[in-house]
Protein backbone atom coordinates (compact mmCIF):
# COMPACT_ATOMS: atom_id res chain seq x y z
CA UNK A 1 6.50 9.70 -1.01
CA UNK A 2 8.92 7.24 -2.57
CA UNK A 3 9.59 3.66 -1.58
CA UNK A 4 12.97 1.96 -1.60
CA UNK A 5 12.46 -1.69 -0.67
CA UNK A 6 15.75 -1.81 1.19
CA UNK A 7 14.72 0.93 3.63
CA UNK A 8 11.85 1.60 6.05
CA UNK A 9 8.89 3.35 4.48
CA UNK A 10 9.79 6.56 6.27
CA UNK A 11 13.06 6.79 4.35
CA UNK A 12 13.52 6.54 0.59
CA UNK A 13 17.04 7.17 -0.71
CA UNK A 14 17.89 6.46 -4.36
CA UNK A 15 17.11 4.35 -6.22
CA UNK A 16 13.44 5.15 -5.71
CA UNK A 17 11.47 2.37 -7.34
CA UNK A 18 8.00 3.62 -6.60
CA UNK A 19 6.25 6.95 -6.08
CA UNK A 20 3.38 6.82 -3.61
CA UNK A 21 0.73 9.55 -3.57
CA UNK A 22 -2.53 9.63 -1.62
CA UNK A 23 -5.07 12.40 -2.01
CA UNK A 24 -7.57 13.55 0.65
CA UNK A 25 -10.36 11.53 -0.98
CA UNK A 26 -8.57 8.25 -0.29
CA UNK A 27 -7.22 7.68 -3.81
CA UNK A 28 -3.80 6.05 -3.57
CA UNK A 29 -1.59 6.16 -6.68
CA UNK A 30 1.45 3.91 -6.97
CA UNK A 31 3.67 4.97 -9.88
CA UNK A 32 6.41 2.70 -11.15
CA UNK A 33 9.35 5.00 -11.83
CA UNK A 34 12.10 2.90 -13.32
CA UNK A 35 11.41 4.17 -16.84
CA UNK A 36 14.96 3.57 -18.02
CA UNK A 37 14.48 -0.13 -17.23
CA UNK A 38 10.94 -0.22 -18.66
CA UNK A 39 9.56 -0.62 -15.13
CA UNK A 40 10.41 -4.32 -14.96
CA UNK A 41 9.11 -6.35 -12.04
CA UNK A 42 12.49 -7.01 -10.48
CA UNK A 43 12.71 -8.41 -6.98
CA UNK A 44 13.33 -4.90 -5.69
CA UNK A 45 10.31 -3.48 -7.53
CA UNK A 46 8.11 -6.29 -6.25
CA UNK A 47 9.33 -5.67 -2.70
CA UNK A 48 8.49 -1.99 -3.04
CA UNK A 49 5.04 -2.71 -4.43
CA UNK A 50 4.30 -5.30 -1.74
CA UNK A 51 5.40 -2.90 1.01
CA UNK A 52 3.09 -0.23 -0.37
CA UNK A 53 0.15 -2.66 -0.57
CA UNK A 54 0.77 -3.96 2.94
CA UNK A 55 0.66 -0.38 4.18
CA UNK A 56 -2.44 0.41 2.09
CA UNK A 57 -4.31 -2.50 3.68
CA UNK A 58 -3.97 -0.72 7.03
CA UNK A 59 -5.44 2.55 5.72
CA UNK A 60 -9.09 2.80 6.83
CA UNK A 61 -9.68 5.76 4.53
CA UNK A 62 -8.50 4.04 1.35
CA UNK A 63 -11.11 4.17 -1.43
CA UNK A 64 -9.34 3.48 -4.75
CA UNK A 65 -5.87 2.27 -5.75
CA UNK A 66 -4.40 3.41 -9.07
CA UNK A 67 -1.36 1.68 -10.57
CA UNK A 68 0.53 3.90 -13.00
CA UNK A 69 3.99 4.16 -14.53
CA UNK A 70 6.46 6.62 -16.00
CA UNK A 71 8.11 6.36 -19.40
CA UNK A 72 7.39 4.51 -22.62
CA UNK A 73 6.48 1.26 -20.87
CA UNK A 74 3.83 0.58 -18.28
CA UNK A 75 5.71 -2.59 -17.35
CA UNK A 76 7.87 -4.90 -19.45
CA UNK A 77 7.44 -7.91 -17.18
CA UNK A 78 10.15 -9.65 -15.21
CA UNK A 79 13.83 -8.71 -15.37
CA UNK A 80 15.10 -11.28 -17.90
CA UNK A 81 18.68 -10.09 -17.50
CA UNK A 82 18.60 -10.88 -13.80
CA UNK A 83 16.75 -14.15 -14.40
CA UNK A 84 19.46 -15.29 -16.82
CA UNK A 85 22.29 -14.64 -14.35
CA UNK A 86 24.68 -17.60 -13.98
CA UNK A 87 24.24 -19.89 -10.99
CA UNK A 88 20.52 -19.43 -10.42
CA UNK A 89 18.67 -22.58 -9.47
CA UNK A 90 15.09 -23.73 -9.95
CA UNK A 91 14.27 -22.77 -6.32
CA UNK A 92 15.64 -19.29 -7.05
CA UNK A 93 13.29 -18.88 -9.99
CA UNK A 94 10.39 -20.34 -8.04
CA UNK A 95 10.97 -17.80 -5.25
CA UNK A 96 10.70 -14.93 -7.75
CA UNK A 97 7.44 -16.20 -9.25
CA UNK A 98 6.00 -16.85 -5.79
CA UNK A 99 6.93 -13.31 -4.78
CA UNK A 100 5.14 -11.98 -7.85
CA UNK A 101 2.12 -14.20 -7.17
CA UNK A 102 1.86 -12.86 -3.63
CA UNK A 103 1.77 -9.31 -4.99
CA UNK A 104 -0.85 -10.15 -7.62
CA UNK A 105 -3.05 -11.88 -5.05
CA UNK A 106 -2.68 -8.90 -2.72
CA UNK A 107 -4.22 -6.68 -5.40
CA UNK A 108 -7.23 -8.96 -5.56
CA UNK A 109 -7.60 -9.10 -1.76
CA UNK A 110 -7.44 -5.33 -1.36
CA UNK A 111 -11.01 -4.30 -0.46
CA UNK A 112 -11.11 -1.35 -2.85
CA UNK A 113 -11.16 -1.11 -6.66
CA UNK A 114 -7.70 -1.33 -8.24
CA UNK A 115 -7.35 0.56 -11.54
CA UNK A 116 -4.43 0.27 -13.97
CA UNK A 117 -3.46 3.44 -15.85
CA UNK A 118 -1.66 2.02 -18.89
CA UNK A 119 0.23 4.66 -20.84
CA UNK A 120 2.55 2.41 -22.85
CA UNK A 121 3.93 -1.08 -23.35
CA UNK A 122 2.65 -3.90 -21.12
CA UNK A 123 4.35 -7.22 -21.82
CA UNK A 124 4.58 -10.62 -20.10
CA UNK A 125 4.17 -10.02 -16.34
CA UNK A 126 3.32 -6.40 -17.21
CA UNK A 127 0.34 -7.65 -19.19
CA UNK A 128 -0.40 -9.90 -16.22
CA UNK A 129 -0.45 -6.84 -13.99
CA UNK A 130 -3.02 -5.13 -16.19
CA UNK A 131 -5.18 -8.25 -16.23
CA UNK A 132 -4.89 -8.64 -12.45
CA UNK A 133 -6.25 -5.16 -11.77
CA UNK A 134 -10.00 -4.85 -11.31
CA UNK A 135 -10.27 -2.15 -13.97
CA UNK A 136 -7.95 -0.62 -16.55
CA UNK A 137 -7.80 2.50 -18.70
CA UNK A 138 -5.31 2.63 -21.56
CA UNK A 139 -3.76 5.15 -23.89
CA UNK A 140 -4.22 4.61 -27.60
CA UNK A 141 -0.43 4.23 -27.64
CA UNK A 142 -0.50 1.23 -25.27
CA UNK A 143 0.29 -2.25 -26.55
CA UNK A 144 -0.07 -5.60 -24.85
CA UNK A 145 1.62 -8.99 -25.25
CA UNK A 146 2.47 -12.14 -23.36
CA UNK A 147 5.80 -12.25 -25.13
CA UNK A 148 7.73 -14.79 -23.07
CA UNK A 149 7.20 -17.48 -25.70
CA UNK A 150 9.43 -15.48 -28.05
CA UNK A 151 12.30 -16.22 -25.67
CA UNK A 152 11.37 -19.83 -24.97
CA UNK A 153 9.45 -19.10 -21.78
CA UNK A 154 5.69 -19.69 -21.81
CA UNK A 155 3.93 -16.95 -19.84
CA UNK A 156 2.35 -19.37 -17.39
CA UNK A 157 1.68 -16.99 -14.51
CA UNK A 158 0.38 -14.21 -16.80
CA UNK A 159 -1.97 -16.82 -18.26
CA UNK A 160 -3.83 -17.02 -14.95
CA UNK A 161 -5.42 -13.53 -14.99
CA UNK A 162 -5.29 -13.20 -18.78
CA UNK A 163 -7.50 -16.29 -19.22
CA UNK A 164 -9.94 -14.76 -16.72
CA UNK A 165 -10.16 -11.50 -18.70
CA UNK A 166 -10.29 -12.43 -22.37
CA UNK A 167 -11.92 -15.31 -24.30
CA UNK A 168 -9.97 -18.58 -24.30
CA UNK A 169 -8.96 -18.60 -27.96
CA UNK A 170 -7.71 -15.01 -27.82
CA UNK A 171 -5.79 -15.73 -24.62
CA UNK A 172 -4.17 -18.78 -26.19
CA UNK A 173 -3.33 -16.84 -29.36
CA UNK A 174 -1.52 -14.23 -27.26
CA UNK A 175 0.21 -16.89 -25.17
CA UNK A 176 1.22 -19.11 -28.11
CA UNK A 177 2.41 -16.37 -30.47
CA UNK A 178 3.62 -13.57 -28.21
CA UNK A 179 2.13 -11.14 -30.73
CA UNK A 180 1.09 -7.66 -29.66
CA UNK A 181 -2.44 -6.31 -29.58
CA UNK A 182 -3.19 -2.60 -29.55
CA UNK A 183 -5.38 -0.73 -27.10
CA UNK A 184 -8.52 -0.97 -29.22
CA UNK A 185 -8.12 -4.74 -29.52
CA UNK A 186 -7.50 -4.94 -25.76
CA UNK A 187 -10.74 -3.03 -25.25
CA UNK A 188 -12.67 -5.29 -27.62
CA UNK A 189 -11.34 -8.43 -25.89
CA UNK A 190 -12.07 -7.19 -22.36
CA UNK A 191 -8.50 -6.65 -21.15
CA UNK A 192 -9.13 -2.92 -20.54
CA UNK A 193 -12.28 -0.90 -19.84
CA UNK A 194 -11.63 2.42 -21.55
CA UNK A 195 -9.22 3.79 -24.17
CA UNK A 196 -8.27 7.42 -24.71
CA UNK A 197 -5.68 9.49 -26.55
CA UNK A 198 -2.61 10.18 -24.37
CA UNK A 199 -3.65 13.76 -23.69
CA UNK A 200 -7.08 12.60 -22.47
CA UNK A 201 -6.00 9.56 -20.45
CA UNK A 202 -5.95 11.30 -17.08
CA UNK A 203 -9.36 12.85 -17.66
CA UNK A 204 -10.83 9.44 -18.53
CA UNK A 205 -9.18 7.94 -15.45
CA UNK A 206 -10.55 10.77 -13.29
CA UNK A 207 -14.09 10.17 -14.56
CA UNK A 208 -13.86 6.49 -13.66
CA UNK A 209 -12.36 7.20 -10.24
CA UNK A 210 -15.04 9.81 -9.51
CA UNK A 211 -17.71 7.23 -10.33
CA UNK A 212 -16.13 4.75 -7.92
CA UNK A 213 -15.86 7.35 -5.17
CA UNK A 214 -19.57 8.10 -5.52
CA UNK A 215 -20.40 4.54 -4.44
CA UNK A 216 -20.50 3.22 -0.85
CA UNK A 217 -17.14 1.84 0.23
CA UNK A 218 -18.71 -1.09 2.06
CA UNK A 219 -20.78 -2.22 -0.93
CA UNK A 220 -17.73 -2.09 -3.21
CA UNK A 221 -15.69 -4.12 -0.72
CA UNK A 222 -18.36 -6.82 -0.38
CA UNK A 223 -18.97 -6.83 -4.10
CA UNK A 224 -15.32 -7.20 -5.04
CA UNK A 225 -14.76 -10.07 -2.61
CA UNK A 226 -17.90 -11.83 -3.81
CA UNK A 227 -17.05 -11.37 -7.48
CA UNK A 228 -13.74 -13.18 -7.25
CA UNK A 229 -15.03 -15.92 -4.94
CA UNK A 230 -18.03 -16.78 -7.10
CA UNK A 231 -16.01 -16.71 -10.31
CA UNK A 232 -14.06 -19.77 -9.21
CA UNK A 233 -17.14 -21.63 -7.99
CA UNK A 234 -19.84 -23.61 -9.74
CA UNK A 235 -23.09 -21.81 -10.49
CA UNK A 236 -24.97 -23.24 -7.48
CA UNK A 237 -22.23 -22.27 -5.05
CA UNK A 238 -21.86 -18.88 -6.72
CA UNK A 239 -25.56 -18.14 -6.25
CA UNK A 240 -25.35 -19.19 -2.59
CA UNK A 241 -22.39 -16.90 -1.99
CA UNK A 242 -24.10 -14.07 -3.86
CA UNK A 243 -27.32 -14.40 -1.86
CA UNK A 244 -25.41 -14.35 1.42
CA UNK A 245 -23.46 -11.29 0.31
CA UNK A 246 -26.58 -9.40 -0.75
CA UNK A 247 -28.36 -10.22 2.51
CA UNK A 248 -25.43 -8.86 4.56
CA UNK A 249 -25.06 -5.90 2.23
CA UNK A 250 -28.76 -5.04 2.54
CA UNK A 251 -28.36 -4.60 6.30
CA UNK A 252 -25.61 -2.03 5.78
CA UNK A 253 -26.60 1.60 6.43
CA UNK A 254 -25.49 2.58 2.92
CA UNK A 255 -27.88 0.10 1.32
CA UNK A 256 -30.70 1.21 3.63
CA UNK A 257 -30.04 4.81 2.61
CA UNK A 258 -29.90 3.85 -1.07
CA UNK A 259 -33.27 2.10 -0.95
CA UNK A 260 -34.85 4.98 0.96
CA UNK A 261 -33.43 7.51 -1.51
CA UNK A 262 -34.86 5.51 -4.41
CA UNK A 263 -38.32 5.50 -2.83
CA UNK A 264 -38.07 9.24 -2.10
CA UNK A 265 -36.79 9.94 -5.62
CA UNK A 266 -33.61 11.70 -4.48
CA UNK A 267 -29.88 11.11 -4.66
CA UNK A 268 -28.55 9.05 -1.75
CA UNK A 269 -26.31 10.60 0.89
CA UNK A 270 -23.94 7.85 1.93
CA UNK A 271 -23.34 7.42 5.66
CA UNK A 272 -19.98 8.59 7.01
CA UNK A 273 -19.21 10.60 3.88
CA UNK A 274 -21.84 13.33 3.64
CA UNK A 275 -21.54 13.06 -0.14
CA UNK A 276 -24.38 12.62 -2.56
CA UNK A 277 -24.17 10.03 -5.31
CA UNK A 278 -23.76 11.49 -8.76
CA UNK A 279 -25.72 8.71 -10.42
CA UNK A 280 -29.22 9.89 -9.64
CA UNK A 281 -32.07 7.50 -8.96
CA UNK A 282 -33.22 6.40 -12.40
CA UNK A 283 -33.89 2.73 -13.12
CA UNK A 284 -35.08 0.00 -10.83
CA UNK A 285 -33.84 -1.04 -7.41
CA UNK A 286 -33.61 -4.81 -7.92
CA UNK A 287 -31.06 -7.59 -7.61
């Protein structure tokens, strides 16, 4: 399925900005396919992505969202050529950044893990997109930069998720210099979770997705929502939110089954799925 933001989702004439694929397990893959334009986050691309996310939110069987891209670049950020067009006003620019912010916040609100598959260049708002995703796997050929400063534009919106992924001094170095870091440095700094050679990237992604699918959907949804809420709170409030979340979670049938499976020394069979967890029952069942 392909999405053209100018048309209803049922129809997708050229140019097709986004390829949408959903497998029977509930894994939705959105692939940016404007490789010749380095998959920039133009207004049209953002509209296509937002339409796909709005539709995904209504899918009760959704389990994991994967963001991928075609070509040499994962995403080269905003469309600077369009942004530099004559006659644009400050409200015009503000509308673009607000549109992008809405999309980024939608990724965080989605009640399933969002995984970036980064095969190439991720710069400016493209680096922001990687940082905004819950998890990320990257090719050894991927490179990352908040490069707006090179063109006189401080990457202010990318700084929001970047500063919540990597240590402050590293984030500021990237923001102040616009210099690139490679995939191994991104891994060391916490911007991505796993790195693999290009030919192994899909296998590494599949392993991560399989691990997520083996976990109860409800627990992941509660956990994701709690994680982002508590991160912005003080420690006392964070603990209060976490305790409330765990108490609600513990009443869920999946948690009841998990505790029982631990006591019976067997793999849990999650309610509504009929699938057994692949993680076994080693370790301790504690908070």
